[in-house]
Protein backbone atom coordinates (compact mmCIF):
# COMPACT_ATOMS: atom_id res chain seq x y z
CA MET A 1 0.00 0.00 0.00
CA ARG A 2 1.40 3.40 -1.05
CA GLN A 3 2.16 5.85 1.75
CA THR A 4 0.11 9.05 1.58
CA LYS A 5 2.17 12.21 1.38
CA ARG A 6 1.69 15.57 3.08
CA LEU A 7 2.15 18.82 1.19
CA GLU A 8 4.81 21.04 2.67
CA HIS A 9 3.80 24.33 4.28
CA ILE A 10 0.08 23.46 4.17
CA GLY A 11 -1.60 23.50 7.55
CA ALA A 12 -4.75 21.64 6.51
CA LEU A 13 -5.63 20.10 3.14
CA LEU A 14 -9.43 19.91 2.82
CA VAL A 15 -11.65 18.59 0.03
CA VAL A 16 -15.22 19.65 -0.74
CA GLY A 17 -17.19 16.90 -2.43
CA SER A 18 -20.62 15.59 -3.28
CA GLY A 19 -22.04 12.45 -4.81
CA LYS A 20 -23.80 14.33 -7.60
CA GLY A 21 -23.67 17.53 -9.57
CA GLY A 22 -26.00 20.49 -9.26
CA VAL A 23 -25.86 20.85 -5.48
CA GLY A 24 -23.81 24.07 -5.50
CA LYS A 25 -20.56 22.50 -4.38
CA SER A 26 -18.34 25.06 -6.12
CA THR A 27 -20.36 27.92 -4.63
CA VAL A 28 -19.83 26.40 -1.19
CA SER A 29 -16.10 25.93 -1.85
CA VAL A 30 -15.61 29.55 -2.97
CA ASN A 31 -17.54 31.11 -0.11
CA LEU A 32 -15.97 28.86 2.53
CA ALA A 33 -12.52 29.82 1.22
CA VAL A 34 -13.30 33.54 1.25
CA ALA A 35 -14.93 33.30 4.69
CA LEU A 36 -11.84 31.56 6.11
CA ALA A 37 -9.59 34.22 4.58
CA ARG A 38 -11.71 36.98 6.15
CA GLN A 39 -11.27 35.27 9.50
CA GLY A 40 -7.54 35.93 9.15
CA HIS A 41 -6.37 32.61 7.68
CA SER A 42 -4.13 32.18 4.64
CA VAL A 43 -6.16 30.16 2.15
CA GLY A 44 -5.68 28.51 -1.24
CA LEU A 45 -8.38 27.07 -3.52
CA LEU A 46 -7.76 24.46 -6.23
CA ASP A 47 -10.50 23.79 -8.78
CA GLY A 48 -10.36 20.00 -9.18
CA ASP A 49 -13.00 19.77 -11.93
CA ALA A 50 -11.30 19.56 -15.32
CA TYR A 51 -14.51 18.80 -17.22
CA GLY A 52 -16.44 21.88 -16.08
CA PRO A 53 -14.20 24.25 -14.08
CA SER A 54 -16.42 26.99 -12.64
CA ILE A 55 -14.20 28.51 -9.94
CA PRO A 56 -12.60 31.09 -12.32
CA MET A 57 -15.94 32.60 -13.36
CA MET A 58 -17.22 32.65 -9.78
CA LEU A 59 -14.14 34.63 -8.77
CA GLY A 60 -14.19 37.01 -11.74
CA VAL A 61 -11.39 35.42 -13.76
CA ARG A 62 -12.55 35.03 -17.39
CA LYS A 63 -10.67 33.34 -20.24
CA ARG A 64 -12.96 33.67 -23.22
CA THR A 65 -10.54 32.57 -25.94
CA PRO A 66 -9.54 28.90 -26.36
CA GLY A 67 -5.96 27.69 -26.11
CA LYS A 68 -3.52 28.13 -28.99
CA GLU A 69 -4.81 26.40 -32.13
CA GLY A 70 -7.78 25.19 -30.08
CA GLN A 71 -5.56 22.98 -27.93
CA ALA A 72 -5.12 22.91 -24.18
CA TYR A 73 -1.68 22.25 -22.70
CA LEU A 74 -1.99 20.88 -19.19
CA PRO A 75 0.86 20.07 -16.73
CA LEU A 76 0.83 16.27 -16.78
CA ALA A 77 4.41 15.24 -17.52
CA GLU A 78 6.31 17.16 -14.85
CA ARG A 79 7.78 15.44 -11.84
CA GLN A 80 6.47 16.19 -8.37
CA GLU A 81 9.44 18.08 -6.96
CA LEU A 82 9.96 21.18 -9.08
CA PRO A 83 12.35 24.04 -8.37
CA ILE A 84 10.49 27.10 -7.13
CA GLU A 85 11.25 29.09 -10.28
CA LYS A 86 9.43 26.52 -12.44
CA LYS A 87 6.29 26.40 -10.35
CA LEU A 88 3.03 28.00 -11.46
CA LYS A 89 1.96 31.16 -9.66
CA PRO A 90 -1.62 31.11 -8.37
CA LEU A 91 -3.87 34.11 -8.90
CA LEU A 92 -4.95 36.14 -5.90
CA ARG A 93 -8.64 37.00 -5.60
CA TYR A 94 -10.47 38.27 -2.53
CA GLY A 95 -7.57 37.26 -0.31
CA ILE A 96 -7.29 33.64 -1.52
CA LYS A 97 -4.83 31.99 -3.89
CA ILE A 98 -6.59 30.14 -6.71
CA MET A 99 -5.62 27.67 -9.43
CA SER A 100 -7.85 25.96 -11.98
CA VAL A 101 -7.69 23.97 -15.20
CA GLY A 102 -9.93 26.79 -16.42
CA PHE A 103 -6.86 29.03 -16.56
CA PHE A 104 -5.44 26.87 -19.37
CA ILE A 105 -8.55 26.61 -21.56
CA GLY A 106 -11.27 28.91 -22.88
CA GLU A 107 -14.43 28.98 -20.79
CA GLU A 108 -16.40 27.39 -23.66
CA GLN A 109 -13.62 25.00 -24.65
CA ALA A 110 -14.04 21.33 -23.79
CA VAL A 111 -11.29 19.21 -22.29
CA ALA A 112 -11.81 15.49 -21.78
CA PRO A 113 -8.87 13.77 -20.07
CA MET A 114 -9.13 10.05 -19.50
CA PRO A 115 -10.37 9.28 -15.98
CA ASP A 116 -6.96 7.97 -14.86
CA ALA A 117 -5.25 11.04 -16.31
CA LEU A 118 -7.61 13.33 -14.42
CA GLY A 119 -6.29 12.06 -11.09
CA LEU A 120 -2.71 12.59 -12.24
CA LEU A 121 -3.55 16.08 -13.51
CA ILE A 122 -5.04 17.33 -10.25
CA ARG A 123 -2.23 15.75 -8.24
CA GLN A 124 0.29 17.46 -10.52
CA LEU A 125 -1.40 20.82 -10.06
CA LEU A 126 -1.07 20.41 -6.31
CA TYR A 127 2.69 19.98 -6.64
CA SER A 128 3.26 22.37 -9.56
CA VAL A 129 1.78 25.47 -7.93
CA ASP A 130 3.78 27.75 -5.66
CA TRP A 131 1.18 27.93 -2.89
CA GLY A 132 3.56 29.33 -0.29
CA ALA A 133 2.61 28.78 3.35
CA LEU A 134 -1.14 28.25 3.84
CA ASP A 135 -3.36 27.56 6.81
CA TYR A 136 -5.93 25.93 4.53
CA LEU A 137 -5.80 24.56 0.99
CA ILE A 138 -9.26 23.61 -0.28
CA ILE A 139 -9.83 21.34 -3.28
CA ASP A 140 -13.20 21.68 -5.01
CA LEU A 141 -13.80 18.15 -6.32
CA PRO A 142 -15.94 17.19 -9.32
CA PRO A 143 -19.15 15.22 -8.68
CA GLY A 144 -19.02 11.47 -8.14
CA THR A 145 -16.67 9.03 -6.48
CA SER A 146 -14.12 8.18 -9.17
CA GLU A 147 -11.28 10.50 -10.25
CA PRO A 148 -9.52 12.57 -9.05
CA GLN A 149 -10.96 11.46 -5.69
CA ALA A 150 -9.40 7.99 -5.86
CA THR A 151 -5.89 9.30 -6.62
CA LEU A 152 -6.05 12.01 -3.95
CA CYS A 153 -7.33 9.62 -1.27
CA ARG A 154 -4.69 7.04 -2.18
CA GLU A 155 -1.64 9.27 -2.52
CA ILE A 156 -2.21 12.53 -0.60
CA SER A 157 -2.73 12.97 3.12
CA LEU A 158 -6.12 14.73 3.40
CA ASP A 159 -7.00 16.40 6.69
CA GLY A 160 -10.73 16.51 6.17
CA ALA A 161 -13.68 16.34 3.78
CA VAL A 162 -16.73 18.59 3.68
CA LEU A 163 -19.78 17.10 1.98
CA VAL A 164 -22.39 19.19 0.18
CA THR A 165 -25.99 18.12 -0.35
CA THR A 166 -29.46 19.55 -0.89
CA PRO A 167 -32.53 18.56 1.15
CA GLN A 168 -34.15 16.09 -1.25
CA ASP A 169 -33.54 12.37 -1.06
CA ILE A 170 -31.92 11.91 -4.49
CA ALA A 171 -29.08 14.25 -3.43
CA ARG A 172 -28.79 12.67 0.02
CA ILE A 173 -28.49 9.18 -1.47
CA ASP A 174 -25.54 10.23 -3.64
CA THR A 175 -23.98 12.18 -0.78
CA SER A 176 -24.12 8.99 1.30
CA LYS A 177 -22.09 7.27 -1.42
CA ALA A 178 -19.45 10.00 -1.26
CA LEU A 179 -19.40 9.61 2.53
CA ALA A 180 -18.84 5.86 2.21
CA MET A 181 -15.95 6.48 -0.21
CA PHE A 182 -14.16 8.88 2.15
CA GLN A 183 -14.72 6.62 5.15
CA ALA A 184 -13.32 3.62 3.25
CA ALA A 185 -10.23 5.71 2.44
CA LYS A 186 -9.98 6.76 6.11
CA VAL A 187 -10.36 10.45 5.27
CA PRO A 188 -11.85 12.35 8.25
CA VAL A 189 -15.28 13.71 7.27
CA LEU A 190 -15.81 17.03 9.06
CA GLY A 191 -19.52 17.30 8.33
CA VAL A 192 -22.13 18.21 5.76
CA VAL A 193 -23.35 21.53 4.36
CA GLN A 194 -27.00 21.51 3.29
CA ASN A 195 -27.15 23.93 0.38
CA MET A 196 -30.27 25.46 -1.23
CA ASP A 197 -32.06 24.97 2.07
CA GLY A 198 -35.15 26.91 1.05
CA LEU A 199 -35.50 29.99 -1.17
CA LEU A 200 -35.36 33.53 0.20
CA CYS A 201 -38.17 35.36 -1.58
CA PRO A 202 -36.72 38.51 -3.22
CA HIS A 203 -39.99 40.38 -2.59
CA CYS A 204 -40.99 39.58 0.99
CA GLY A 205 -37.84 37.96 2.39
CA GLU A 206 -39.75 34.87 3.56
CA GLN A 207 -38.11 31.46 3.14
CA VAL A 208 -39.92 29.12 0.75
CA GLU A 209 -39.28 25.38 0.43
CA ILE A 210 -38.25 24.53 -3.14
CA PHE A 211 -37.11 20.92 -2.72
CA PRO A 212 -39.18 18.14 -1.18
CA ARG A 213 -37.36 17.29 2.03
CA SER A 214 -36.27 13.69 2.38
CA GLN A 215 -38.41 11.66 4.73
CA GLU A 216 -35.98 8.73 4.76
CA ALA A 217 -33.25 8.30 7.33
CA ARG A 218 -29.69 7.99 6.03
CA VAL A 219 -28.04 6.63 9.14
CA LEU A 220 -24.40 7.47 8.41
CA LEU A 221 -25.22 10.81 6.79
CA ASP A 222 -27.58 11.85 9.60
CA ASP A 223 -24.84 11.13 12.14
CA LEU A 224 -22.55 13.74 10.57
CA THR A 225 -22.12 17.22 12.01
CA LEU A 226 -24.36 19.69 10.20
CA LEU A 227 -21.92 22.47 9.37
CA GLY A 228 -24.55 24.81 7.97
CA ARG A 229 -27.84 25.32 6.17
CA ILE A 230 -27.43 27.70 3.23
CA PRO A 231 -30.60 29.27 1.82
CA LEU A 232 -30.91 30.05 -1.88
CA ASP A 233 -31.04 33.75 -2.72
CA PRO A 234 -31.47 34.86 -6.38
CA ALA A 235 -29.30 37.91 -5.64
CA ALA A 236 -26.47 35.63 -4.55
CA VAL A 237 -26.74 33.67 -7.81
CA VAL A 238 -26.53 36.85 -9.91
CA SER A 239 -23.60 38.13 -7.86
CA GLY A 240 -21.71 34.83 -8.21
CA ASP A 241 -22.18 34.78 -11.99
CA LYS A 242 -20.61 38.24 -12.11
CA GLY A 243 -17.56 37.07 -10.17
CA TYR A 244 -18.49 38.43 -6.74
CA PRO A 245 -19.01 35.81 -4.01
CA ILE A 246 -21.97 36.63 -1.78
CA ILE A 247 -19.62 37.14 1.18
CA VAL A 248 -17.95 39.94 -0.79
CA SER A 249 -20.99 41.55 -2.43
CA MET A 250 -23.55 41.18 0.39
CA PRO A 251 -21.59 40.40 3.58
CA ASP A 252 -24.55 41.11 5.89
CA SER A 253 -27.09 38.99 4.00
CA PRO A 254 -28.54 35.80 5.53
CA VAL A 255 -26.69 33.71 2.93
CA ALA A 256 -23.33 35.33 3.68
CA ARG A 257 -23.86 34.92 7.43
CA ALA A 258 -24.71 31.24 6.87
CA PHE A 259 -21.42 30.73 4.99
CA ILE A 260 -19.44 32.56 7.67
CA ASP A 261 -20.99 30.36 10.36
CA ALA A 262 -20.26 27.24 8.28
CA ALA A 263 -16.59 28.27 7.93
CA GLU A 264 -16.35 28.64 11.71
CA GLN A 265 -17.90 25.20 12.14
CA VAL A 266 -15.32 23.73 9.74
CA THR A 267 -12.45 25.05 11.89
CA VAL A 268 -14.12 23.68 15.04
CA ALA A 269 -14.74 20.26 13.45
CA LEU A 270 -11.17 20.07 12.13
CA ALA A 271 -9.75 20.87 15.58
CA ALA A 272 -11.99 18.19 17.13
CA LYS A 273 -10.90 15.56 14.60
CA ARG A 274 -7.24 16.38 15.20
CA ALA A 275 -7.66 16.20 18.97
CA GLU A 276 -9.45 12.87 18.60
CA HIS A 277 -6.65 11.51 16.39
CA SER A 278 -3.97 12.80 18.76
CA ALA A 279 -5.66 11.18 21.74
CA SER A 280 -6.01 7.81 20.00
CA SER A 281 -2.40 7.81 18.77
CA THR A 282 -0.96 8.58 22.24
CA GLU A 283 -3.23 6.29 24.21
CA PRO A 284 -1.07 3.67 25.98
CA ALA A 285 -1.58 0.09 25.00
CA VAL A 286 -3.61 -1.96 27.44
CA GLU A 287 -1.44 -4.62 29.03
CA GLN A 288 -2.84 -8.09 28.80
CA PRO A 289 -2.96 -9.89 32.19
CA GLU A 290 -0.58 -12.76 32.52
CA GLU A 291 -2.21 -16.13 32.17
CA GLN A 292 -2.62 -17.67 35.59
CA GLU A 293 -1.46 -21.22 36.02
CA ARG A 294 -4.42 -23.38 36.91
CA PRO A 295 -4.16 -25.94 39.71
CA GLY A 296 -3.36 -29.40 38.41
CA ASP A 297 -1.62 -28.16 35.25
CA ASP A 298 1.76 -29.61 36.41
CA GLU A 299 0.22 -32.97 37.20
CA ALA A 300 -1.54 -33.05 33.85
CA ALA A 301 1.72 -32.20 32.08
CA GLU A 302 3.56 -34.98 33.91
CA GLU A 303 0.87 -37.50 33.02
CA ARG A 304 1.26 -36.51 29.36
């Protein structure tokens, strides 16, 4: 079994994942990263979705033209340990360092790496970027449970996973699959963010249910810490499409406050997981009592 490796100068490497698309995982990743940065932490954000990278647009970085001659050149062949002068420089937006496959391709250009190559690509981006010293590096994963999740879980030491779901059962079922994958890989799951938890009416401000809430228990999922409930606000959607995260454009809105609270819960959950791991690793082994010799054992041995 290959030994997982820690990234140098990274305090905590976190992944944000979900079992399915369309649950707002990238929106959660962006706003969690910005919220952590505004709490005084140094934060990096890696867009791990090569098929549909959306982090650049959400942070106001647009690349409208395709790569040279319609081709995309991605860093797949480099070795892990690169000299600092050869490393890619991340962009700085809203206090966080960002890197995405979307920086190498046009926003309407398709790239379709083989599944195995996708894991190698995201791993290479981790090592090829000059992140500097960070308190948190967040990886926004693509939907599903295949690549690059498998490569990252197998080869990189991950400090925690944040799962994103919506209230209805079809999303919760797939989120349970993502949970099972991380647990099988022994990645600490910090908790779940329930996104689109009702709609904030733009006219009256009342919260309206838009998804039928699941009536079925998902035992493992329900046992997780609920990091936050994020309501859906049309103004937040418009702001995000223009490259302004809701925490930046409307910091006092209910949605922004929900993300700020969720970021605080992530730091608390990470500290708890680390304390739990530290306690279990330093716990002294329980000495087994010596087997007592039963009366008559010597006589039985002599008879034999």
